[in-house]
Amino acid sequence: LDSNPEFTASVIAAYARAVYKLSYENSFGCKTVFDIAPSYLSAKSAEE
């Protein structure tokens, strides 16, 4: 990594998307990366 904080930030941004999706499913409480389905990190549809 050329930039530790910028790469860390890029990971966090993907997980922010997952948190957004889970909140709409009323999946409340705390999660870790182990609890997140990989597709929740992506802006692409399941078909894509």
All heavy atoms as atom14 arrays in JSON, in Angstrom:
{
  "sequence": "LDSNPEFTASVIAAYARAVYKLSYENSFGCKTVFDIAPSYLSAKSAEE",
  "atom14_mask": [
    [1, 1, 1, 1, 1, 1, 1, 1, 0, 0, 0, 0, 0, 0],
    [1, 1, 1, 1, 1, 1, 1, 1, 0, 0, 0, 0, 0, 0],
    [1, 1, 1, 1, 1, 1, 0, 0, 0, 0, 0, 0, 0, 0],
    [1, 1, 1, 1, 1, 1, 1, 1, 0, 0, 0, 0, 0, 0],
    [1, 1, 1, 1, 1, 1, 1, 0, 0, 0, 0, 0, 0, 0],
    [1, 1, 1, 1, 1, 1, 1, 1, 1, 0, 0, 0, 0, 0],
    [1, 1, 1, 1, 1, 1, 1, 1, 1, 1, 1, 0, 0, 0],
    [1, 1, 1, 1, 1, 1, 1, 0, 0, 0, 0, 0, 0, 0],
    [1, 1, 1, 1, 1, 0, 0, 0, 0, 0, 0, 0, 0, 0],
    [1, 1, 1, 1, 1, 1, 0, 0, 0, 0, 0, 0, 0, 0],
    [1, 1, 1, 1, 1, 1, 1, 0, 0, 0, 0, 0, 0, 0],
    [1, 1, 1, 1, 1, 1, 1, 1, 0, 0, 0, 0, 0, 0],
    [1, 1, 1, 1, 1, 0, 0, 0, 0, 0, 0, 0, 0, 0],
    [1, 1, 1, 1, 1, 0, 0, 0, 0, 0, 0, 0, 0, 0],
    [1, 1, 1, 1, 1, 1, 1, 1, 1, 1, 1, 1, 0, 0],
    [1, 1, 1, 1, 1, 0, 0, 0, 0, 0, 0, 0, 0, 0],
    [1, 1, 1, 1, 1, 1, 1, 1, 1, 1, 1, 0, 0, 0],
    [1, 1, 1, 1, 1, 0, 0, 0, 0, 0, 0, 0, 0, 0],
    [1, 1, 1, 1, 1, 1, 1, 0, 0, 0, 0, 0, 0, 0],
    [1, 1, 1, 1, 1, 1, 1, 1, 1, 1, 1, 1, 0, 0],
    [1, 1, 1, 1, 1, 1, 1, 1, 1, 0, 0, 0, 0, 0],
    [1, 1, 1, 1, 1, 1, 1, 1, 0, 0, 0, 0, 0, 0],
    [1, 1, 1, 1, 1, 1, 0, 0, 0, 0, 0, 0, 0, 0],
    [1, 1, 1, 1, 1, 1, 1, 1, 1, 1, 1, 1, 0, 0],
    [1, 1, 1, 1, 1, 1, 1, 1, 1, 0, 0, 0, 0, 0],
    [1, 1, 1, 1, 1, 1, 1, 1, 0, 0, 0, 0, 0, 0],
    [1, 1, 1, 1, 1, 1, 0, 0, 0, 0, 0, 0, 0, 0],
    [1, 1, 1, 1, 1, 1, 1, 1, 1, 1, 1, 0, 0, 0],
    [1, 1, 1, 1, 0, 0, 0, 0, 0, 0, 0, 0, 0, 0],
    [1, 1, 1, 1, 1, 1, 0, 0, 0, 0, 0, 0, 0, 0],
    [1, 1, 1, 1, 1, 1, 1, 1, 1, 0, 0, 0, 0, 0],
    [1, 1, 1, 1, 1, 1, 1, 0, 0, 0, 0, 0, 0, 0],
    [1, 1, 1, 1, 1, 1, 1, 0, 0, 0, 0, 0, 0, 0],
    [1, 1, 1, 1, 1, 1, 1, 1, 1, 1, 1, 0, 0, 0],
    [1, 1, 1, 1, 1, 1, 1, 1, 0, 0, 0, 0, 0, 0],
    [1, 1, 1, 1, 1, 1, 1, 1, 0, 0, 0, 0, 0, 0],
    [1, 1, 1, 1, 1, 0, 0, 0, 0, 0, 0, 0, 0, 0],
    [1, 1, 1, 1, 1, 1, 1, 0, 0, 0, 0, 0, 0, 0],
    [1, 1, 1, 1, 1, 1, 0, 0, 0, 0, 0, 0, 0, 0],
    [1, 1, 1, 1, 1, 1, 1, 1, 1, 1, 1, 1, 0, 0],
    [1, 1, 1, 1, 1, 1, 1, 1, 0, 0, 0, 0, 0, 0],
    [1, 1, 1, 1, 1, 1, 0, 0, 0, 0, 0, 0, 0, 0],
    [1, 1, 1, 1, 1, 0, 0, 0, 0, 0, 0, 0, 0, 0],
    [1, 1, 1, 1, 1, 1, 1, 1, 1, 0, 0, 0, 0, 0],
    [1, 1, 1, 1, 1, 1, 0, 0, 0, 0, 0, 0, 0, 0],
    [1, 1, 1, 1, 1, 0, 0, 0, 0, 0, 0, 0, 0, 0],
    [1, 1, 1, 1, 1, 1, 1, 1, 1, 0, 0, 0, 0, 0],
    [1, 1, 1, 1, 1, 1, 1, 1, 1, 0, 0, 0, 0, 0]
  ],
  "atom14_positions": [
    [[0.81, -1.21, 0.0], [0.0, 0.0, 0.0], [0.85, 1.26, 0.0], [1.67, 1.45, 0.9], [-0.91, 0.01, 1.24], [-1.66, -1.3, 1.54], [-2.43, -1.17, 2.85], [-2.59, -1.66, 0.4], [0.0, 0.0, 0.0], [0.0, 0.0, 0.0], [0.0, 0.0, 0.0], [0.0, 0.0, 0.0], [0.0, 0.0, 0.0], [0.0, 0.0, 0.0]],
    [[0.63, 2.12, -0.98], [1.29, 3.43, -0.97], [0.76, 4.3, 0.16], [1.49, 5.11, 0.74], [1.05, 4.16, -2.3], [2.05, 3.75, -3.37], [2.99, 3.01, -3.05], [1.86, 4.17, -4.53], [0.0, 0.0, 0.0], [0.0, 0.0, 0.0], [0.0, 0.0, 0.0], [0.0, 0.0, 0.0], [0.0, 0.0, 0.0], [0.0, 0.0, 0.0]],
    [[-0.53, 4.16, 0.45], [-1.15, 4.98, 1.5], [-2.03, 4.1, 2.37], [-3.11, 3.66, 1.95], [-1.99, 6.11, 0.9], [-2.75, 6.76, 1.91], [0.0, 0.0, 0.0], [0.0, 0.0, 0.0], [0.0, 0.0, 0.0], [0.0, 0.0, 0.0], [0.0, 0.0, 0.0], [0.0, 0.0, 0.0], [0.0, 0.0, 0.0], [0.0, 0.0, 0.0]],
    [[-1.56, 3.84, 3.58], [-2.34, 3.08, 4.55], [-3.73, 3.69, 4.78], [-4.75, 3.0, 4.64], [-1.53, 3.0, 5.85], [-2.2, 2.2, 6.95], [-3.3, 1.71, 6.8], [-1.51, 2.07, 8.08], [0.0, 0.0, 0.0], [0.0, 0.0, 0.0], [0.0, 0.0, 0.0], [0.0, 0.0, 0.0], [0.0, 0.0, 0.0], [0.0, 0.0, 0.0]],
    [[-3.85, 4.98, 5.1], [-5.19, 5.53, 5.38], [-6.1, 5.54, 4.17], [-7.31, 5.34, 4.31], [-4.9, 6.95, 5.88], [-3.54, 7.27, 5.42], [-2.8, 5.98, 5.39], [0.0, 0.0, 0.0], [0.0, 0.0, 0.0], [0.0, 0.0, 0.0], [0.0, 0.0, 0.0], [0.0, 0.0, 0.0], [0.0, 0.0, 0.0], [0.0, 0.0, 0.0]],
    [[-5.57, 5.77, 2.97], [-6.44, 5.8, 1.8], [-6.97, 4.41, 1.46], [-8.14, 4.27, 1.06], [-5.71, 6.42, 0.6], [-5.53, 7.92, 0.72], [-4.96, 8.55, -0.54], [-4.82, 7.85, -1.55], [-4.65, 9.75, -0.49], [0.0, 0.0, 0.0], [0.0, 0.0, 0.0], [0.0, 0.0, 0.0], [0.0, 0.0, 0.0], [0.0, 0.0, 0.0]],
    [[-6.14, 3.38, 1.63], [-6.64, 2.03, 1.39], [-7.64, 1.64, 2.46], [-8.71, 1.08, 2.16], [-5.49, 1.02, 1.36], [-5.93, -0.37, 0.99], [-6.11, -0.73, -0.33], [-6.21, -1.31, 1.98], [-6.54, -2.01, -0.68], [-6.65, -2.59, 1.65], [-6.81, -2.94, 0.31], [0.0, 0.0, 0.0], [0.0, 0.0, 0.0], [0.0, 0.0, 0.0]],
    [[-7.33, 1.94, 3.72], [-8.27, 1.68, 4.8], [-9.6, 2.36, 4.53], [-10.68, 1.77, 4.71], [-7.69, 2.16, 6.15], [-6.48, 1.46, 6.41], [-8.67, 1.93, 7.29], [0.0, 0.0, 0.0], [0.0, 0.0, 0.0], [0.0, 0.0, 0.0], [0.0, 0.0, 0.0], [0.0, 0.0, 0.0], [0.0, 0.0, 0.0], [0.0, 0.0, 0.0]],
    [[-9.54, 3.6, 4.08], [-10.76, 4.35, 3.77], [-11.55, 3.68, 2.66], [-12.8, 3.67, 2.69], [-10.4, 5.78, 3.37], [0.0, 0.0, 0.0], [0.0, 0.0, 0.0], [0.0, 0.0, 0.0], [0.0, 0.0, 0.0], [0.0, 0.0, 0.0], [0.0, 0.0, 0.0], [0.0, 0.0, 0.0], [0.0, 0.0, 0.0], [0.0, 0.0, 0.0]],
    [[-10.88, 3.12, 1.67], [-11.57, 2.46, 0.57], [-12.3, 1.21, 1.05], [-13.41, 0.92, 0.59], [-10.55, 2.09, -0.52], [-9.98, 3.24, -1.09], [0.0, 0.0, 0.0], [0.0, 0.0, 0.0], [0.0, 0.0, 0.0], [0.0, 0.0, 0.0], [0.0, 0.0, 0.0], [0.0, 0.0, 0.0], [0.0, 0.0, 0.0], [0.0, 0.0, 0.0]],
    [[-11.69, 0.48, 1.98], [-12.38, -0.68, 2.57], [-13.6, -0.21, 3.36], [-14.7, -0.77, 3.24], [-11.42, -1.47, 3.49], [-12.16, -2.62, 4.16], [-10.22, -1.99, 2.7], [0.0, 0.0, 0.0], [0.0, 0.0, 0.0], [0.0, 0.0, 0.0], [0.0, 0.0, 0.0], [0.0, 0.0, 0.0], [0.0, 0.0, 0.0], [0.0, 0.0, 0.0]],
    [[-13.42, 0.82, 4.15], [-14.52, 1.34, 4.98], [-15.69, 1.79, 4.12], [-16.86, 1.55, 4.45], [-14.03, 2.49, 5.87], [-13.09, 1.96, 6.94], [-15.19, 3.24, 6.51], [-12.39, 3.04, 7.74], [0.0, 0.0, 0.0], [0.0, 0.0, 0.0], [0.0, 0.0, 0.0], [0.0, 0.0, 0.0], [0.0, 0.0, 0.0], [0.0, 0.0, 0.0]],
    [[-15.41, 2.44, 3.0], [-16.48, 2.91, 2.12], [-17.33, 1.75, 1.62], [-18.57, 1.83, 1.57], [-15.89, 3.69, 0.94], [0.0, 0.0, 0.0], [0.0, 0.0, 0.0], [0.0, 0.0, 0.0], [0.0, 0.0, 0.0], [0.0, 0.0, 0.0], [0.0, 0.0, 0.0], [0.0, 0.0, 0.0], [0.0, 0.0, 0.0], [0.0, 0.0, 0.0]],
    [[-16.69, 0.65, 1.27], [-17.44, -0.53, 0.82], [-18.33, -1.07, 1.94], [-19.49, -1.45, 1.71], [-16.48, -1.61, 0.33], [0.0, 0.0, 0.0], [0.0, 0.0, 0.0], [0.0, 0.0, 0.0], [0.0, 0.0, 0.0], [0.0, 0.0, 0.0], [0.0, 0.0, 0.0], [0.0, 0.0, 0.0], [0.0, 0.0, 0.0], [0.0, 0.0, 0.0]],
    [[-17.8, -1.08, 3.15], [-18.6, -1.58, 4.27], [-19.68, -0.6, 4.69], [-20.71, -1.0, 5.26], [-17.69, -1.98, 5.44], [-17.13, -3.36, 5.21], [-15.87, -3.54, 4.65], [-17.88, -4.49, 5.52], [-15.38, -4.81, 4.39], [-17.4, -5.77, 5.27], [-16.15, -5.92, 4.71], [-15.68, -7.19, 4.45], [0.0, 0.0, 0.0], [0.0, 0.0, 0.0]],
    [[-19.48, 0.68, 4.41], [-20.56, 1.64, 4.64], [-21.76, 1.32, 3.76], [-22.92, 1.45, 4.18], [-20.06, 3.06, 4.38], [0.0, 0.0, 0.0], [0.0, 0.0, 0.0], [0.0, 0.0, 0.0], [0.0, 0.0, 0.0], [0.0, 0.0, 0.0], [0.0, 0.0, 0.0], [0.0, 0.0, 0.0], [0.0, 0.0, 0.0], [0.0, 0.0, 0.0]],
    [[-21.49, 0.89, 2.54], [-22.58, 0.47, 1.65], [-23.33, -0.72, 2.24], [-24.57, -0.78, 2.21], [-22.03, 0.12, 0.27], [-23.09, -0.35, -0.72], [-22.5, -0.71, -2.08], [-21.95, 0.46, -2.74], [-20.64, 0.68, -2.94], [-19.74, -0.21, -2.49], [-20.24, 1.76, -3.57], [0.0, 0.0, 0.0], [0.0, 0.0, 0.0], [0.0, 0.0, 0.0]],
    [[-22.58, -1.68, 2.77], [-23.21, -2.86, 3.37], [-24.06, -2.46, 4.57], [-25.18, -2.97, 4.76], [-22.13, -3.86, 3.79], [0.0, 0.0, 0.0], [0.0, 0.0, 0.0], [0.0, 0.0, 0.0], [0.0, 0.0, 0.0], [0.0, 0.0, 0.0], [0.0, 0.0, 0.0], [0.0, 0.0, 0.0], [0.0, 0.0, 0.0], [0.0, 0.0, 0.0]],
    [[-23.56, -1.55, 5.4], [-24.32, -1.08, 6.56], [-25.61, -0.41, 6.11], [-26.69, -0.6, 6.71], [-23.46, -0.13, 7.41], [-24.32, 0.67, 8.4], [-22.4, -0.93, 8.17], [0.0, 0.0, 0.0], [0.0, 0.0, 0.0], [0.0, 0.0, 0.0], [0.0, 0.0, 0.0], [0.0, 0.0, 0.0], [0.0, 0.0, 0.0], [0.0, 0.0, 0.0]],
    [[-25.53, 0.38, 5.07], [-26.71, 1.05, 4.51], [-27.76, 0.03, 4.09], [-28.95, 0.15, 4.41], [-26.27, 1.91, 3.33], [-27.39, 2.6, 2.59], [-28.01, 3.72, 3.12], [-27.81, 2.14, 1.34], [-29.03, 4.37, 2.43], [-28.81, 2.77, 0.63], [-29.43, 3.89, 1.18], [-30.43, 4.52, 0.5], [0.0, 0.0, 0.0], [0.0, 0.0, 0.0]],
    [[-27.33, -1.02, 3.39], [-28.27, -2.05, 2.94], [-28.89, -2.79, 4.13], [-30.1, -3.05, 4.16], [-27.55, -3.05, 2.03], [-27.1, -2.48, 0.69], [-26.35, -3.53, -0.12], [-25.87, -2.98, -1.45], [-25.12, -4.0, -2.24], [0.0, 0.0, 0.0], [0.0, 0.0, 0.0], [0.0, 0.0, 0.0], [0.0, 0.0, 0.0], [0.0, 0.0, 0.0]],
    [[-28.07, -3.13, 5.12], [-28.57, -3.86, 6.27], [-29.55, -3.03, 7.1], [-30.51, -3.56, 7.66], [-27.4, -4.3, 7.16], [-26.54, -5.43, 6.61], [-25.26, -5.57, 7.43], [-27.31, -6.74, 6.59], [0.0, 0.0, 0.0], [0.0, 0.0, 0.0], [0.0, 0.0, 0.0], [0.0, 0.0, 0.0], [0.0, 0.0, 0.0], [0.0, 0.0, 0.0]],
    [[-29.3, -1.72, 7.14], [-30.21, -0.87, 7.92], [-31.61, -0.87, 7.31], [-32.6, -0.81, 8.04], [-29.66, 0.56, 7.99], [-29.75, 1.22, 6.74], [0.0, 0.0, 0.0], [0.0, 0.0, 0.0], [0.0, 0.0, 0.0], [0.0, 0.0, 0.0], [0.0, 0.0, 0.0], [0.0, 0.0, 0.0], [0.0, 0.0, 0.0], [0.0, 0.0, 0.0]],
    [[-31.69, -0.98, 5.99], [-32.99, -1.03, 5.33], [-33.68, -2.38, 5.53], [-34.88, -2.5, 5.32], [-32.86, -0.71, 3.84], [-33.01, 0.77, 3.58], [-31.91, 1.61, 3.63], [-34.26, 1.33, 3.32], [-32.04, 2.98, 3.41], [-34.41, 2.69, 3.1], [-33.29, 3.51, 3.15], [-33.43, 4.87, 2.95], [0.0, 0.0, 0.0], [0.0, 0.0, 0.0]],
    [[-32.92, -3.38, 5.93], [-33.49, -4.69, 6.24], [-33.81, -4.81, 7.74], [-34.17, -5.89, 8.21], [-32.52, -5.79, 5.84], [-32.25, -5.85, 4.34], [-31.21, -6.89, 3.98], [-30.68, -7.56, 4.9], [-30.91, -7.03, 2.78], [0.0, 0.0, 0.0], [0.0, 0.0, 0.0], [0.0, 0.0, 0.0], [0.0, 0.0, 0.0], [0.0, 0.0, 0.0]],
    [[-33.63, -3.68, 8.47], [-33.85, -3.67, 9.93], [-32.95, -4.68, 10.64], [-33.33, -5.26, 11.67], [-35.31, -3.94, 10.28], [-36.23, -2.83, 9.8], [-35.84, -1.67, 9.73], [-37.45, -3.19, 9.45], [0.0, 0.0, 0.0], [0.0, 0.0, 0.0], [0.0, 0.0, 0.0], [0.0, 0.0, 0.0], [0.0, 0.0, 0.0], [0.0, 0.0, 0.0]],
    [[-31.75, -4.87, 10.11], [-30.76, -5.74, 10.75], [-29.91, -4.88, 11.67], [-28.83, -4.4, 11.31], [-29.89, -6.43, 9.69], [-28.95, -7.29, 10.3], [0.0, 0.0, 0.0], [0.0, 0.0, 0.0], [0.0, 0.0, 0.0], [0.0, 0.0, 0.0], [0.0, 0.0, 0.0], [0.0, 0.0, 0.0], [0.0, 0.0, 0.0], [0.0, 0.0, 0.0]],
    [[-30.43, -4.64, 12.88], [-29.81, -3.69, 13.78], [-28.78, -4.37, 14.69], [-28.72, -5.59, 14.79], [-30.89, -3.01, 14.63], [-31.92, -2.28, 13.81], [-33.28, -2.41, 14.1], [-31.55, -1.48, 12.74], [-34.24, -1.75, 13.35], [-32.5, -0.81, 11.98], [-33.86, -0.95, 12.29], [0.0, 0.0, 0.0], [0.0, 0.0, 0.0], [0.0, 0.0, 0.0]],
    [[-27.99, -3.55, 15.36], [-26.93, -4.06, 16.23], [-25.58, -3.96, 15.55], [-25.44, -3.38, 14.47], [0.0, 0.0, 0.0], [0.0, 0.0, 0.0], [0.0, 0.0, 0.0], [0.0, 0.0, 0.0], [0.0, 0.0, 0.0], [0.0, 0.0, 0.0], [0.0, 0.0, 0.0], [0.0, 0.0, 0.0], [0.0, 0.0, 0.0], [0.0, 0.0, 0.0]],
    [[-24.58, -4.53, 16.2], [-23.2, -4.43, 15.71], [-22.83, -5.63, 14.85], [-23.24, -6.77, 15.13], [-22.25, -4.31, 16.89], [-20.56, -3.86, 16.42], [0.0, 0.0, 0.0], [0.0, 0.0, 0.0], [0.0, 0.0, 0.0], [0.0, 0.0, 0.0], [0.0, 0.0, 0.0], [0.0, 0.0, 0.0], [0.0, 0.0, 0.0], [0.0, 0.0, 0.0]],
    [[-22.05, -5.38, 13.82], [-21.55, -6.41, 12.92], [-20.03, -6.29, 12.82], [-19.44, -5.28, 13.16], [-22.14, -6.24, 11.5], [-23.6, -5.85, 11.44], [-24.52, -6.96, 11.89], [-25.99, -6.5, 11.8], [-26.92, -7.5, 12.33], [0.0, 0.0, 0.0], [0.0, 0.0, 0.0], [0.0, 0.0, 0.0], [0.0, 0.0, 0.0], [0.0, 0.0, 0.0]],
    [[-19.41, -7.35, 12.31], [-18.02, -7.3, 11.88], [-17.95, -7.77, 10.43], [-18.97, -8.17, 9.85], [-17.11, -8.18, 12.75], [-17.34, -9.57, 12.43], [-17.35, -7.94, 14.23], [0.0, 0.0, 0.0], [0.0, 0.0, 0.0], [0.0, 0.0, 0.0], [0.0, 0.0, 0.0], [0.0, 0.0, 0.0], [0.0, 0.0, 0.0], [0.0, 0.0, 0.0]],
    [[-16.77, -7.75, 9.86], [-16.62, -8.18, 8.46], [-17.05, -9.63, 8.28], [-17.43, -10.04, 7.17], [-15.17, -7.99, 7.97], [-14.8, -6.51, 7.95], [-14.17, -8.78, 8.81], [0.0, 0.0, 0.0], [0.0, 0.0, 0.0], [0.0, 0.0, 0.0], [0.0, 0.0, 0.0], [0.0, 0.0, 0.0], [0.0, 0.0, 0.0], [0.0, 0.0, 0.0]],
    [[-17.01, -10.43, 9.35], [-17.42, -11.83, 9.24], [-18.92, -11.98, 8.99], [-19.37, -13.01, 8.51], [-17.07, -12.6, 10.52], [-15.59, -12.68, 10.81], [-15.14, -12.6, 12.11], [-14.67, -12.83, 9.8], [-13.79, -12.67, 12.4], [-13.31, -12.9, 10.06], [-12.87, -12.83, 11.38], [0.0, 0.0, 0.0], [0.0, 0.0, 0.0], [0.0, 0.0, 0.0]],
    [[-19.68, -10.97, 9.32], [-21.14, -11.05, 9.23], [-21.71, -10.53, 7.92], [-22.92, -10.59, 7.72], [-21.76, -10.25, 10.39], [-21.25, -10.68, 11.74], [-21.26, -11.89, 12.01], [-20.82, -9.81, 12.53], [0.0, 0.0, 0.0], [0.0, 0.0, 0.0], [0.0, 0.0, 0.0], [0.0, 0.0, 0.0], [0.0, 0.0, 0.0], [0.0, 0.0, 0.0]],
    [[-20.85, -10.0, 7.06], [-21.32, -9.31, 5.85], [-21.15, -10.19, 4.63], [-20.04, -10.62, 4.29], [-20.54, -7.99, 5.65], [-20.58, -7.12, 6.9], [-21.09, -7.24, 4.44], [-21.96, -6.74, 7.36], [0.0, 0.0, 0.0], [0.0, 0.0, 0.0], [0.0, 0.0, 0.0], [0.0, 0.0, 0.0], [0.0, 0.0, 0.0], [0.0, 0.0, 0.0]],
    [[-22.26, -10.45, 3.93], [-22.17, -11.18, 2.67], [-21.4, -10.35, 1.65], [-21.59, -9.14, 1.56], [-23.57, -11.47, 2.14], [0.0, 0.0, 0.0], [0.0, 0.0, 0.0], [0.0, 0.0, 0.0], [0.0, 0.0, 0.0], [0.0, 0.0, 0.0], [0.0, 0.0, 0.0], [0.0, 0.0, 0.0], [0.0, 0.0, 0.0], [0.0, 0.0, 0.0]],
    [[-20.51, -10.96, 0.87], [-19.7, -10.19, -0.08], [-20.51, -9.32, -1.02], [-20.1, -8.21, -1.36], [-18.93, -11.28, -0.84], [-18.82, -12.41, 0.12], [-20.11, -12.38, 0.9], [0.0, 0.0, 0.0], [0.0, 0.0, 0.0], [0.0, 0.0, 0.0], [0.0, 0.0, 0.0], [0.0, 0.0, 0.0], [0.0, 0.0, 0.0], [0.0, 0.0, 0.0]],
    [[-21.68, -9.77, -1.43], [-22.47, -8.99, -2.39], [-22.95, -7.67, -1.79], [-23.22, -6.72, -2.53], [-23.68, -9.8, -2.86], [-24.54, -10.11, -1.77], [0.0, 0.0, 0.0], [0.0, 0.0, 0.0], [0.0, 0.0, 0.0], [0.0, 0.0, 0.0], [0.0, 0.0, 0.0], [0.0, 0.0, 0.0], [0.0, 0.0, 0.0], [0.0, 0.0, 0.0]],
    [[-23.01, -7.58, -0.47], [-23.47, -6.34, 0.18], [-22.43, -5.23, 0.05], [-22.74, -4.06, 0.24], [-23.78, -6.58, 1.65], [-25.14, -7.16, 1.9], [-25.58, -8.31, 1.24], [-26.02, -6.57, 2.8], [-26.83, -8.85, 1.46], [-27.29, -7.1, 3.04], [-27.67, -8.24, 2.36], [-28.93, -8.77, 2.57], [0.0, 0.0, 0.0], [0.0, 0.0, 0.0]],
    [[-21.2, -5.59, -0.28], [-20.15, -4.58, -0.44], [-20.21, -3.89, -1.79], [-19.66, -2.8, -1.96], [-18.76, -5.23, -0.3], [-18.48, -5.98, 0.99], [-17.11, -6.65, 0.91], [-18.54, -5.05, 2.18], [0.0, 0.0, 0.0], [0.0, 0.0, 0.0], [0.0, 0.0, 0.0], [0.0, 0.0, 0.0], [0.0, 0.0, 0.0], [0.0, 0.0, 0.0]],
    [[-20.88, -4.49, -2.73], [-20.85, -4.03, -4.11], [-22.06, -3.18, -4.47], [-23.18, -3.41, -3.99], [-20.79, -5.24, -5.05], [-20.81, -4.83, -6.4], [0.0, 0.0, 0.0], [0.0, 0.0, 0.0], [0.0, 0.0, 0.0], [0.0, 0.0, 0.0], [0.0, 0.0, 0.0], [0.0, 0.0, 0.0], [0.0, 0.0, 0.0], [0.0, 0.0, 0.0]],
    [[-21.82, -2.23, -5.35], [-22.93, -1.44, -5.91], [-23.6, -2.17, -7.07], [-24.66, -1.75, -7.53], [-22.4, -0.08, -6.38], [0.0, 0.0, 0.0], [0.0, 0.0, 0.0], [0.0, 0.0, 0.0], [0.0, 0.0, 0.0], [0.0, 0.0, 0.0], [0.0, 0.0, 0.0], [0.0, 0.0, 0.0], [0.0, 0.0, 0.0], [0.0, 0.0, 0.0]],
    [[-23.0, -3.26, -7.53], [-23.58, -4.04, -8.64], [-24.72, -4.92, -8.14], [-24.78, -5.31, -6.97], [-22.5, -4.92, -9.28], [-21.41, -4.17, -10.03], [-20.46, -5.15, -10.69], [-19.47, -4.44, -11.62], [-18.53, -3.58, -10.88], [0.0, 0.0, 0.0], [0.0, 0.0, 0.0], [0.0, 0.0, 0.0], [0.0, 0.0, 0.0], [0.0, 0.0, 0.0]],
    [[-25.63, -5.23, -9.04], [-26.73, -6.13, -8.7], [-26.22, -7.56, -8.62], [-25.11, -7.89, -9.08], [-27.82, -6.05, -9.77], [-27.35, -6.59, -11.0], [0.0, 0.0, 0.0], [0.0, 0.0, 0.0], [0.0, 0.0, 0.0], [0.0, 0.0, 0.0], [0.0, 0.0, 0.0], [0.0, 0.0, 0.0], [0.0, 0.0, 0.0], [0.0, 0.0, 0.0]],
    [[-27.04, -8.43, -8.03], [-26.67, -9.85, -7.94], [-26.48, -10.44, -9.33], [-25.56, -11.25, -9.56], [-27.75, -10.62, -7.18], [0.0, 0.0, 0.0], [0.0, 0.0, 0.0], [0.0, 0.0, 0.0], [0.0, 0.0, 0.0], [0.0, 0.0, 0.0], [0.0, 0.0, 0.0], [0.0, 0.0, 0.0], [0.0, 0.0, 0.0], [0.0, 0.0, 0.0]],
    [[-27.3, -10.01, -10.28], [-27.18, -10.53, -11.66], [-25.85, -10.1, -12.28], [-25.16, -10.9, -12.94], [-28.35, -10.02, -12.51], [-29.71, -10.59, -12.15], [-30.31, -9.94, -10.91], [-29.79, -8.88, -10.46], [-31.29, -10.49, -10.38], [0.0, 0.0, 0.0], [0.0, 0.0, 0.0], [0.0, 0.0, 0.0], [0.0, 0.0, 0.0], [0.0, 0.0, 0.0]],
    [[-25.48, -8.84, -12.07], [-24.21, -8.35, -12.61], [-23.02, -9.06, -11.99], [-22.06, -9.4, -12.67], [-24.09, -6.85, -12.35], [-25.0, -5.98, -13.19], [-24.89, -4.51, -12.8], [-25.11, -4.18, -11.62], [-24.58, -3.7, -13.69], [0.0, 0.0, 0.0], [0.0, 0.0, 0.0], [0.0, 0.0, 0.0], [0.0, 0.0, 0.0], [0.0, 0.0, 0.0]]
  ]
}
